[in-house]
Amino acid sequence: MKKIYPRSIPHHDLVVQHLKDDPEFAALYLKGAIEEATDEEGQKILLTVLKRISEARGMQKVAKKAGIPRQSLYRILSEKGNPRMDTFLAVIRALGLEMTFRPVS
């Protein structure tokens, strides 16, 4: 008899579900990305993380809260995106998150 296993959930889908349901997880996910954004590759990853959190929360909703068009949000958070600081902060606030800083140890 062949054993039947439950269907596995793709990693991306599992992460998106956690980002949607758990604001604490989203904050830690973003914090890790910011801490690693010390070079160009890390900055691309940061934009990818912001995009993933935005998709989990609903791009249209995030764009509206940030006060920018949805198409602009997609462009800003693309691999070639380069958001201005005010736009970056508006997206973070629209996600219900805030940035904090501490001395480097």
PDB file of N, CA and C in Angstrom:
ATOM      1  N   MET A   1       0.847  -1.184   0.000  1.00  0.00           N
ATOM      2  CA  MET A   1       0.000   0.000   0.000  1.00  0.00           C
ATOM      3  C   MET A   1       0.889   1.243   0.000  1.00  0.00           C
ATOM      4  N   LYS A   2       0.560   2.170  -0.857  1.00  0.00           N
ATOM      5  CA  LYS A   2       1.319   3.402  -0.994  1.00  0.00           C
ATOM      6  C   LYS A   2       0.910   4.390   0.103  1.00  0.00           C
ATOM      7  N   LYS A   3       1.923   4.969   0.737  1.00  0.00           N
ATOM      8  CA  LYS A   3       1.658   5.941   1.805  1.00  0.00           C
ATOM      9  C   LYS A   3       1.277   7.284   1.197  1.00  0.00           C
ATOM     10  N   ILE A   4       0.257   7.909   1.721  1.00  0.00           N
ATOM     11  CA  ILE A   4      -0.178   9.217   1.230  1.00  0.00           C
ATOM     12  C   ILE A   4       0.190  10.263   2.278  1.00  0.00           C
ATOM     13  N   TYR A   5       0.934  11.257   1.832  1.00  0.00           N
ATOM     14  CA  TYR A   5       1.354  12.339   2.711  1.00  0.00           C
ATOM     15  C   TYR A   5       0.513  13.580   2.439  1.00  0.00           C
ATOM     16  N   PRO A   6       0.294  14.378   3.478  1.00  0.00           N
ATOM     17  CA  PRO A   6      -0.445  15.621   3.236  1.00  0.00           C
ATOM     18  C   PRO A   6       0.362  16.518   2.302  1.00  0.00           C
ATOM     19  N   ARG A   7      -0.331  17.309   1.555  1.00  0.00           N
ATOM     20  CA  ARG A   7       0.304  18.231   0.630  1.00  0.00           C
ATOM     21  C   ARG A   7       1.150  19.230   1.403  1.00  0.00           C
ATOM     22  N   SER A   8       2.351  19.482   0.911  1.00  0.00           N
ATOM     23  CA  SER A   8       3.203  20.459   1.589  1.00  0.00           C
ATOM     24  C   SER A   8       2.851  21.866   1.122  1.00  0.00           C
ATOM     25  N   ILE A   9       3.158  22.813   1.953  1.00  0.00           N
ATOM     26  CA  ILE A   9       2.900  24.216   1.640  1.00  0.00           C
ATOM     27  C   ILE A   9       4.211  24.826   1.180  1.00  0.00           C
ATOM     28  N   PRO A  10       4.226  25.486   0.007  1.00  0.00           N
ATOM     29  CA  PRO A  10       5.456  26.135  -0.449  1.00  0.00           C
ATOM     30  C   PRO A  10       5.940  27.170   0.573  1.00  0.00           C
ATOM     31  N   HIS A  11       7.245  27.286   0.722  1.00  0.00           N
ATOM     32  CA  HIS A  11       7.848  28.199   1.700  1.00  0.00           C
ATOM     33  C   HIS A  11       7.315  29.623   1.536  1.00  0.00           C
ATOM     34  N   HIS A  12       7.278  30.106   0.294  1.00  0.00           N
ATOM     35  CA  HIS A  12       6.798  31.472   0.039  1.00  0.00           C
ATOM     36  C   HIS A  12       5.392  31.667   0.589  1.00  0.00           C
ATOM     37  N   ASP A  13       4.510  30.707   0.328  1.00  0.00           N
ATOM     38  CA  ASP A  13       3.122  30.819   0.800  1.00  0.00           C
ATOM     39  C   ASP A  13       3.046  30.830   2.325  1.00  0.00           C
ATOM     40  N   LEU A  14       3.878  30.031   2.959  1.00  0.00           N
ATOM     41  CA  LEU A  14       3.905  29.981   4.418  1.00  0.00           C
ATOM     42  C   LEU A  14       4.390  31.313   5.002  1.00  0.00           C
ATOM     43  N   VAL A  15       5.437  31.870   4.407  1.00  0.00           N
ATOM     44  CA  VAL A  15       5.959  33.169   4.863  1.00  0.00           C
ATOM     45  C   VAL A  15       4.905  34.245   4.687  1.00  0.00           C
ATOM     46  N   VAL A  16       4.264  34.273   3.526  1.00  0.00           N
ATOM     47  CA  VAL A  16       3.222  35.286   3.264  1.00  0.00           C
ATOM     48  C   VAL A  16       2.097  35.166   4.280  1.00  0.00           C
ATOM     49  N   GLN A  17       1.699  33.940   4.612  1.00  0.00           N
ATOM     50  CA  GLN A  17       0.634  33.749   5.598  1.00  0.00           C
ATOM     51  C   GLN A  17       1.054  34.297   6.963  1.00  0.00           C
ATOM     52  N   HIS A  18       2.293  34.036   7.366  1.00  0.00           N
ATOM     53  CA  HIS A  18       2.787  34.575   8.643  1.00  0.00           C
ATOM     54  C   HIS A  18       2.850  36.100   8.605  1.00  0.00           C
ATOM     55  N   LEU A  19       3.273  36.658   7.471  1.00  0.00           N
ATOM     56  CA  LEU A  19       3.346  38.119   7.347  1.00  0.00           C
ATOM     57  C   LEU A  19       1.961  38.750   7.442  1.00  0.00           C
ATOM     58  N   LYS A  20       0.975  38.055   6.926  1.00  0.00           N
ATOM     59  CA  LYS A  20      -0.404  38.556   6.952  1.00  0.00           C
ATOM     60  C   LYS A  20      -0.987  38.488   8.360  1.00  0.00           C
ATOM     61  N   ASP A  21      -0.694  37.390   9.065  1.00  0.00           N
ATOM     62  CA  ASP A  21      -1.339  37.111  10.346  1.00  0.00           C
ATOM     63  C   ASP A  21      -0.592  37.605  11.571  1.00  0.00           C
ATOM     64  N   ASP A  22       0.711  37.836  11.444  1.00  0.00           N
ATOM     65  CA  ASP A  22       1.532  38.092  12.625  1.00  0.00           C
ATOM     66  C   ASP A  22       2.386  39.359  12.463  1.00  0.00           C
ATOM     67  N   PRO A  23       1.916  40.502  12.976  1.00  0.00           N
ATOM     68  CA  PRO A  23       2.671  41.754  12.854  1.00  0.00           C
ATOM     69  C   PRO A  23       4.064  41.670  13.484  1.00  0.00           C
ATOM     70  N   GLU A  24       4.205  40.877  14.535  1.00  0.00           N
ATOM     71  CA  GLU A  24       5.508  40.700  15.193  1.00  0.00           C
ATOM     72  C   GLU A  24       6.493  40.020  14.245  1.00  0.00           C
ATOM     73  N   PHE A  25       6.010  38.995  13.533  1.00  0.00           N
ATOM     74  CA  PHE A  25       6.848  38.302  12.552  1.00  0.00           C
ATOM     75  C   PHE A  25       7.262  39.259  11.439  1.00  0.00           C
ATOM     76  N   ALA A  26       6.315  40.065  10.964  1.00  0.00           N
ATOM     77  CA  ALA A  26       6.620  41.035   9.902  1.00  0.00           C
ATOM     78  C   ALA A  26       7.684  42.025  10.370  1.00  0.00           C
ATOM     79  N   ALA A  27       7.582  42.483  11.607  1.00  0.00           N
ATOM     80  CA  ALA A  27       8.560  43.431  12.146  1.00  0.00           C
ATOM     81  C   ALA A  27       9.948  42.792  12.225  1.00  0.00           C
ATOM     82  N   LEU A  28      10.024  41.555  12.695  1.00  0.00           N
ATOM     83  CA  LEU A  28      11.320  40.865  12.786  1.00  0.00           C
ATOM     84  C   LEU A  28      11.902  40.576  11.410  1.00  0.00           C
ATOM     85  N   TYR A  29      11.044  40.232  10.469  1.00  0.00           N
ATOM     86  CA  TYR A  29      11.457  39.958   9.087  1.00  0.00           C
ATOM     87  C   TYR A  29      12.070  41.221   8.470  1.00  0.00           C
ATOM     88  N   LEU A  30      11.397  42.350   8.662  1.00  0.00           N
ATOM     89  CA  LEU A  30      11.899  43.622   8.137  1.00  0.00           C
ATOM     90  C   LEU A  30      13.166  44.051   8.870  1.00  0.00           C
ATOM     91  N   LYS A  31      13.206  43.860  10.169  1.00  0.00           N
ATOM     92  CA  LYS A  31      14.384  44.223  10.956  1.00  0.00           C
ATOM     93  C   LYS A  31      15.623  43.474  10.466  1.00  0.00           C
ATOM     94  N   GLY A  32      15.471  42.190  10.223  1.00  0.00           N
ATOM     95  CA  GLY A  32      16.581  41.396   9.706  1.00  0.00           C
ATOM     96  C   GLY A  32      17.059  41.895   8.359  1.00  0.00           C
ATOM     97  N   ALA A  33      16.120  42.268   7.498  1.00  0.00           N
ATOM     98  CA  ALA A  33      16.483  42.774   6.167  1.00  0.00           C
ATOM     99  C   ALA A  33      17.206  44.113   6.272  1.00  0.00           C
ATOM    100  N   ILE A  34      16.750  44.986   7.167  1.00  0.00           N
ATOM    101  CA  ILE A  34      17.400  46.294   7.338  1.00  0.00           C
ATOM    102  C   ILE A  34      18.816  46.111   7.867  1.00  0.00           C
ATOM    103  N   GLU A  35      18.988  45.189   8.799  1.00  0.00           N
ATOM    104  CA  GLU A  35      20.314  44.946   9.365  1.00  0.00           C
ATOM    105  C   GLU A  35      21.291  44.416   8.317  1.00  0.00           C
ATOM    106  N   GLU A  36      20.782  43.722   7.315  1.00  0.00           N
ATOM    107  CA  GLU A  36      21.642  43.148   6.271  1.00  0.00           C
ATOM    108  C   GLU A  36      21.787  44.055   5.047  1.00  0.00           C
ATOM    109  N   ALA A  37      21.109  45.193   5.033  1.00  0.00           N
ATOM    110  CA  ALA A  37      21.119  46.075   3.862  1.00  0.00           C
ATOM    111  C   ALA A  37      22.345  46.988   3.850  1.00  0.00           C
ATOM    112  N   THR A  38      23.523  46.381   3.957  1.00  0.00           N
ATOM    113  CA  THR A  38      24.760  47.163   4.023  1.00  0.00           C
ATOM    114  C   THR A  38      25.442  47.301   2.677  1.00  0.00           C
ATOM    115  N   ASP A  39      24.950  46.593   1.670  1.00  0.00           N
ATOM    116  CA  ASP A  39      25.512  46.716   0.328  1.00  0.00           C
ATOM    117  C   ASP A  39      24.360  46.683  -0.676  1.00  0.00           C
ATOM    118  N   GLU A  40      24.693  46.764  -1.952  1.00  0.00           N
ATOM    119  CA  GLU A  40      23.652  46.819  -2.988  1.00  0.00           C
ATOM    120  C   GLU A  40      22.762  45.577  -2.974  1.00  0.00           C
ATOM    121  N   GLU A  41      23.354  44.409  -2.798  1.00  0.00           N
ATOM    122  CA  GLU A  41      22.570  43.168  -2.751  1.00  0.00           C
ATOM    123  C   GLU A  41      21.634  43.162  -1.545  1.00  0.00           C
ATOM    124  N   GLY A  42      22.126  43.598  -0.398  1.00  0.00           N
ATOM    125  CA  GLY A  42      21.294  43.673   0.796  1.00  0.00           C
ATOM    126  C   GLY A  42      20.151  44.659   0.640  1.00  0.00           C
ATOM    127  N   GLN A  43      20.388  45.740  -0.083  1.00  0.00           N
ATOM    128  CA  GLN A  43      19.338  46.728  -0.314  1.00  0.00           C
ATOM    129  C   GLN A  43      18.265  46.181  -1.237  1.00  0.00           C
ATOM    130  N   LYS A  44      18.653  45.356  -2.213  1.00  0.00           N
ATOM    131  CA  LYS A  44      17.663  44.694  -3.071  1.00  0.00           C
ATOM    132  C   LYS A  44      16.804  43.745  -2.248  1.00  0.00           C
ATOM    133  N   ILE A  45      17.443  43.037  -1.338  1.00  0.00           N
ATOM    134  CA  ILE A  45      16.712  42.109  -0.473  1.00  0.00           C
ATOM    135  C   ILE A  45      15.733  42.879   0.411  1.00  0.00           C
ATOM    136  N   LEU A  46      16.159  44.031   0.928  1.00  0.00           N
ATOM    137  CA  LEU A  46      15.271  44.861   1.749  1.00  0.00           C
ATOM    138  C   LEU A  46      14.018  45.247   0.969  1.00  0.00           C
ATOM    139  N   LEU A  47      14.186  45.661  -0.280  1.00  0.00           N
ATOM    140  CA  LEU A  47      13.023  46.027  -1.105  1.00  0.00           C
ATOM    141  C   LEU A  47      12.137  44.805  -1.363  1.00  0.00           C
ATOM    142  N   THR A  48      12.753  43.639  -1.543  1.00  0.00           N
ATOM    143  CA  THR A  48      11.990  42.409  -1.740  1.00  0.00           C
ATOM    144  C   THR A  48      11.171  42.076  -0.496  1.00  0.00           C
ATOM    145  N   VAL A  49      11.773  42.256   0.676  1.00  0.00           N
ATOM    146  CA  VAL A  49      11.062  42.009   1.934  1.00  0.00           C
ATOM    147  C   VAL A  49       9.891  42.984   2.086  1.00  0.00           C
ATOM    148  N   LEU A  50      10.120  44.254   1.801  1.00  0.00           N
ATOM    149  CA  LEU A  50       9.029  45.239   1.873  1.00  0.00           C
ATOM    150  C   LEU A  50       7.912  44.876   0.895  1.00  0.00           C
ATOM    151  N   LYS A  51       8.299  44.432  -0.298  1.00  0.00           N
ATOM    152  CA  LYS A  51       7.300  44.044  -1.297  1.00  0.00           C
ATOM    153  C   LYS A  51       6.507  42.836  -0.806  1.00  0.00           C
ATOM    154  N   ARG A  52       7.194  41.854  -0.246  1.00  0.00           N
ATOM    155  CA  ARG A  52       6.524  40.645   0.228  1.00  0.00           C
ATOM    156  C   ARG A  52       5.535  40.980   1.361  1.00  0.00           C
ATOM    157  N   ILE A  53       5.949  41.841   2.276  1.00  0.00           N
ATOM    158  CA  ILE A  53       5.040  42.244   3.366  1.00  0.00           C
ATOM    159  C   ILE A  53       3.855  43.014   2.791  1.00  0.00           C
ATOM    160  N   SER A  54       4.126  43.900   1.828  1.00  0.00           N
ATOM    161  CA  SER A  54       3.054  44.676   1.193  1.00  0.00           C
ATOM    162  C   SER A  54       2.073  43.773   0.470  1.00  0.00           C
ATOM    163  N   GLU A  55       2.584  42.767  -0.240  1.00  0.00           N
ATOM    164  CA  GLU A  55       1.698  41.823  -0.931  1.00  0.00           C
ATOM    165  C   GLU A  55       0.844  41.055   0.073  1.00  0.00           C
ATOM    166  N   ALA A  56       1.453  40.665   1.180  1.00  0.00           N
ATOM    167  CA  ALA A  56       0.709  39.932   2.199  1.00  0.00           C
ATOM    168  C   ALA A  56      -0.410  40.773   2.792  1.00  0.00           C
ATOM    169  N   ARG A  57      -0.161  42.068   2.934  1.00  0.00           N
ATOM    170  CA  ARG A  57      -1.157  42.966   3.536  1.00  0.00           C
ATOM    171  C   ARG A  57      -2.116  43.539   2.500  1.00  0.00           C
ATOM    172  N   GLY A  58      -1.780  43.374   1.207  1.00  0.00           N
ATOM    173  CA  GLY A  58      -2.609  43.915   0.129  1.00  0.00           C
ATOM    174  C   GLY A  58      -1.983  45.171  -0.453  1.00  0.00           C
ATOM    175  N   MET A  59      -1.435  45.050  -1.654  1.00  0.00           N
ATOM    176  CA  MET A  59      -0.708  46.172  -2.275  1.00  0.00           C
ATOM    177  C   MET A  59      -1.581  47.417  -2.403  1.00  0.00           C
ATOM    178  N   GLN A  60      -2.817  47.224  -2.839  1.00  0.00           N
ATOM    179  CA  GLN A  60      -3.706  48.374  -3.018  1.00  0.00           C
ATOM    180  C   GLN A  60      -3.923  49.103  -1.696  1.00  0.00           C
ATOM    181  N   LYS A  61      -4.144  48.343  -0.645  1.00  0.00           N
ATOM    182  CA  LYS A  61      -4.379  48.919   0.686  1.00  0.00           C
ATOM    183  C   LYS A  61      -3.138  49.654   1.194  1.00  0.00           C
ATOM    184  N   VAL A  62      -1.975  49.044   1.027  1.00  0.00           N
ATOM    185  CA  VAL A  62      -0.726  49.661   1.473  1.00  0.00           C
ATOM    186  C   VAL A  62      -0.453  50.935   0.677  1.00  0.00           C
ATOM    187  N   ALA A  63      -0.635  50.871  -0.637  1.00  0.00           N
ATOM    188  CA  ALA A  63      -0.412  52.040  -1.485  1.00  0.00           C
ATOM    189  C   ALA A  63      -1.319  53.193  -1.072  1.00  0.00           C
ATOM    190  N   LYS A  64      -2.582  52.884  -0.826  1.00  0.00           N
ATOM    191  CA  LYS A  64      -3.540  53.921  -0.426  1.00  0.00           C
ATOM    192  C   LYS A  64      -3.123  54.557   0.900  1.00  0.00           C
ATOM    193  N   LYS A  65      -2.752  53.721   1.888  1.00  0.00           N
ATOM    194  CA  LYS A  65      -2.330  54.247   3.184  1.00  0.00           C
ATOM    195  C   LYS A  65      -1.050  55.068   3.077  1.00  0.00           C
ATOM    196  N   ALA A  66      -0.168  54.662   2.150  1.00  0.00           N
ATOM    197  CA  ALA A  66       1.101  55.383   1.963  1.00  0.00           C
ATOM    198  C   ALA A  66       0.922  56.639   1.127  1.00  0.00           C
ATOM    199  N   GLY A  67      -0.232  56.762   0.467  1.00  0.00           N
ATOM    200  CA  GLY A  67      -0.500  57.938  -0.350  1.00  0.00           C
ATOM    201  C   GLY A  67       0.206  57.926  -1.699  1.00  0.00           C
ATOM    202  N   ILE A  68       0.416  56.720  -2.245  1.00  0.00           N
ATOM    203  CA  ILE A  68       1.046  56.610  -3.560  1.00  0.00           C
ATOM    204  C   ILE A  68       0.241  55.653  -4.429  1.00  0.00           C
ATOM    205  N   PRO A  69       0.295  55.833  -5.755  1.00  0.00           N
ATOM    206  CA  PRO A  69      -0.426  54.905  -6.636  1.00  0.00           C
ATOM    207  C   PRO A  69       0.132  53.486  -6.521  1.00  0.00           C
ATOM    208  N   ARG A  70      -0.736  52.499  -6.703  1.00  0.00           N
ATOM    209  CA  ARG A  70      -0.338  51.096  -6.582  1.00  0.00           C
ATOM    210  C   ARG A  70       0.782  50.750  -7.561  1.00  0.00           C
ATOM    211  N   GLN A  71       0.684  51.229  -8.808  1.00  0.00           N
ATOM    212  CA  GLN A  71       1.724  50.946  -9.798  1.00  0.00           C
ATOM    213  C   GLN A  71       3.068  51.508  -9.347  1.00  0.00           C
ATOM    214  N   SER A  72       3.043  52.676  -8.720  1.00  0.00           N
ATOM    215  CA  SER A  72       4.285  53.280  -8.217  1.00  0.00           C
ATOM    216  C   SER A  72       4.869  52.435  -7.096  1.00  0.00           C
ATOM    217  N   LEU A  73       4.014  51.885  -6.255  1.00  0.00           N
ATOM    218  CA  LEU A  73       4.498  51.036  -5.166  1.00  0.00           C
ATOM    219  C   LEU A  73       5.204  49.811  -5.729  1.00  0.00           C
ATOM    220  N   TYR A  74       4.618  49.189  -6.752  1.00  0.00           N
ATOM    221  CA  TYR A  74       5.279  48.045  -7.384  1.00  0.00           C
ATOM    222  C   TYR A  74       6.644  48.452  -7.945  1.00  0.00           C
ATOM    223  N   ARG A  75       6.701  49.601  -8.604  1.00  0.00           N
ATOM    224  CA  ARG A  75       7.955  50.076  -9.209  1.00  0.00           C
ATOM    225  C   ARG A  75       8.994  50.384  -8.131  1.00  0.00           C
ATOM    226  N   ILE A  76       8.573  51.056  -7.068  1.00  0.00           N
ATOM    227  CA  ILE A  76       9.466  51.432  -5.974  1.00  0.00           C
ATOM    228  C   ILE A  76      10.058  50.196  -5.299  1.00  0.00           C
ATOM    229  N   LEU A  77       9.249  49.146  -5.151  1.00  0.00           N
ATOM    230  CA  LEU A  77       9.686  47.950  -4.445  1.00  0.00           C
ATOM    231  C   LEU A  77      10.261  46.879  -5.371  1.00  0.00           C
ATOM    232  N   SER A  78      10.478  47.238  -6.641  1.00  0.00           N
ATOM    233  CA  SER A  78      11.080  46.289  -7.574  1.00  0.00           C
ATOM    234  C   SER A  78      12.577  46.182  -7.303  1.00  0.00           C
ATOM    235  N   GLU A  79      13.208  45.226  -7.941  1.00  0.00           N
ATOM    236  CA  GLU A  79      14.643  45.012  -7.760  1.00  0.00           C
ATOM    237  C   GLU A  79      15.457  46.258  -8.138  1.00  0.00           C
ATOM    238  N   LYS A  80      14.932  47.033  -9.086  1.00  0.00           N
ATOM    239  CA  LYS A  80      15.628  48.257  -9.503  1.00  0.00           C
ATOM    240  C   LYS A  80      15.084  49.496  -8.801  1.00  0.00           C
ATOM    241  N   GLY A  81      14.190  49.304  -7.854  1.00  0.00           N
ATOM    242  CA  GLY A  81      13.585  50.423  -7.140  1.00  0.00           C
ATOM    243  C   GLY A  81      14.606  51.188  -6.309  1.00  0.00           C
ATOM    244  N   ASN A  82      14.320  52.449  -6.130  1.00  0.00           N
ATOM    245  CA  ASN A  82      15.185  53.309  -5.321  1.00  0.00           C
ATOM    246  C   ASN A  82      14.303  54.377  -4.671  1.00  0.00           C
ATOM    247  N   PRO A  83      13.519  53.964  -3.663  1.00  0.00           N
ATOM    248  CA  PRO A  83      12.561  54.907  -3.075  1.00  0.00           C
ATOM    249  C   PRO A  83      13.247  56.049  -2.333  1.00  0.00           C
ATOM    250  N   ARG A  84      12.609  57.207  -2.390  1.00  0.00           N
ATOM    251  CA  ARG A  84      13.074  58.328  -1.569  1.00  0.00           C
ATOM    252  C   ARG A  84      12.786  57.978  -0.121  1.00  0.00           C
ATOM    253  N   MET A  85      13.479  58.635   0.780  1.00  0.00           N
ATOM    254  CA  MET A  85      13.329  58.338   2.206  1.00  0.00           C
ATOM    255  C   MET A  85      11.895  58.560   2.673  1.00  0.00           C
ATOM    256  N   ASP A  86      11.241  59.635   2.222  1.00  0.00           N
ATOM    257  CA  ASP A  86       9.870  59.889   2.667  1.00  0.00           C
ATOM    258  C   ASP A  86       8.913  58.797   2.172  1.00  0.00           C
ATOM    259  N   THR A  87       9.151  58.276   0.970  1.00  0.00           N
ATOM    260  CA  THR A  87       8.329  57.191   0.436  1.00  0.00           C
ATOM    261  C   THR A  87       8.586  55.900   1.204  1.00  0.00           C
ATOM    262  N   PHE A  88       9.858  55.611   1.470  1.00  0.00           N
ATOM    263  CA  PHE A  88      10.246  54.425   2.233  1.00  0.00           C
ATOM    264  C   PHE A  88       9.549  54.426   3.597  1.00  0.00           C
ATOM    265  N   LEU A  89       9.611  55.555   4.291  1.00  0.00           N
ATOM    266  CA  LEU A  89       8.985  55.665   5.612  1.00  0.00           C
ATOM    267  C   LEU A  89       7.465  55.586   5.527  1.00  0.00           C
ATOM    268  N   ALA A  90       6.889  56.153   4.466  1.00  0.00           N
ATOM    269  CA  ALA A  90       5.433  56.091   4.295  1.00  0.00           C
ATOM    270  C   ALA A  90       4.971  54.645   4.114  1.00  0.00           C
ATOM    271  N   VAL A  91       5.732  53.860   3.366  1.00  0.00           N
ATOM    272  CA  VAL A  91       5.378  52.450   3.161  1.00  0.00           C
ATOM    273  C   VAL A  91       5.485  51.691   4.483  1.00  0.00           C
ATOM    274  N   ILE A  92       6.547  51.933   5.221  1.00  0.00           N
ATOM    275  CA  ILE A  92       6.711  51.252   6.512  1.00  0.00           C
ATOM    276  C   ILE A  92       5.554  51.593   7.452  1.00  0.00           C
ATOM    277  N   ARG A  93       5.184  52.862   7.514  1.00  0.00           N
ATOM    278  CA  ARG A  93       4.048  53.267   8.362  1.00  0.00           C
ATOM    279  C   ARG A  93       2.742  52.648   7.861  1.00  0.00           C
ATOM    280  N   ALA A  94       2.572  52.593   6.536  1.00  0.00           N
ATOM    281  CA  ALA A  94       1.359  52.011   5.962  1.00  0.00           C
ATOM    282  C   ALA A  94       1.248  50.525   6.296  1.00  0.00           C
ATOM    283  N   LEU A  95       2.381  49.884   6.527  1.00  0.00           N
ATOM    284  CA  LEU A  95       2.394  48.473   6.915  1.00  0.00           C
ATOM    285  C   LEU A  95       2.123  48.291   8.407  1.00  0.00           C
ATOM    286  N   GLY A  96       1.984  49.403   9.113  1.00  0.00           N
ATOM    287  CA  GLY A  96       1.738  49.325  10.549  1.00  0.00           C
ATOM    288  C   GLY A  96       3.000  49.040  11.337  1.00  0.00           C
ATOM    289  N   LEU A  97       4.148  49.409  10.760  1.00  0.00           N
ATOM    290  CA  LEU A  97       5.434  49.170  11.399  1.00  0.00           C
ATOM    291  C   LEU A  97       6.142  50.492  11.650  1.00  0.00           C
ATOM    292  N   GLU A  98       7.179  50.440  12.468  1.00  0.00           N
ATOM    293  CA  GLU A  98       7.995  51.622  12.712  1.00  0.00           C
ATOM    294  C   GLU A  98       9.456  51.186  12.810  1.00  0.00           C
ATOM    295  N   MET A  99      10.340  52.124  12.545  1.00  0.00           N
ATOM    296  CA  MET A  99      11.770  51.820  12.617  1.00  0.00           C
ATOM    297  C   MET A  99      12.299  52.280  13.975  1.00  0.00           C
ATOM    298  N   THR A 100      13.191  51.481  14.522  1.00  0.00           N
ATOM    299  CA  THR A 100      13.884  51.870  15.753  1.00  0.00           C
ATOM    300  C   THR A 100      15.375  51.667  15.529  1.00  0.00           C
ATOM    301  N   PHE A 101      16.168  52.351  16.304  1.00  0.00           N
ATOM    302  CA  PHE A 101      17.618  52.268  16.155  1.00  0.00           C
ATOM    303  C   PHE A 101      18.258  52.014  17.507  1.00  0.00           C
ATOM    304  N   ARG A 102      19.429  51.393  17.456  1.00  0.00           N
ATOM    305  CA  ARG A 102      20.200  51.138  18.661  1.00  0.00           C
ATOM    306  C   ARG A 102      21.672  51.223  18.274  1.00  0.00           C
ATOM    307  N   PRO A 103      22.541  51.486  19.247  1.00  0.00           N
ATOM    308  CA  PRO A 103      23.976  51.547  18.931  1.00  0.00           C
ATOM    309  C   PRO A 103      24.478  50.195  18.445  1.00  0.00           C
ATOM    310  N   VAL A 104      25.429  50.246  17.546  1.00  0.00           N
ATOM    311  CA  VAL A 104      26.062  49.016  17.062  1.00  0.00           C
ATOM    312  C   VAL A 104      26.946  48.490  18.169  1.00  0.00           C
ATOM    313  N   SER A 105      26.823  47.207  18.459  1.00  0.00           N
ATOM    314  CA  SER A 105      27.650  46.659  19.556  1.00  0.00           C
ATOM    315  C   SER A 105      28.876  45.963  19.025  1.00  0.00           C
TER     316      SER A 105
END
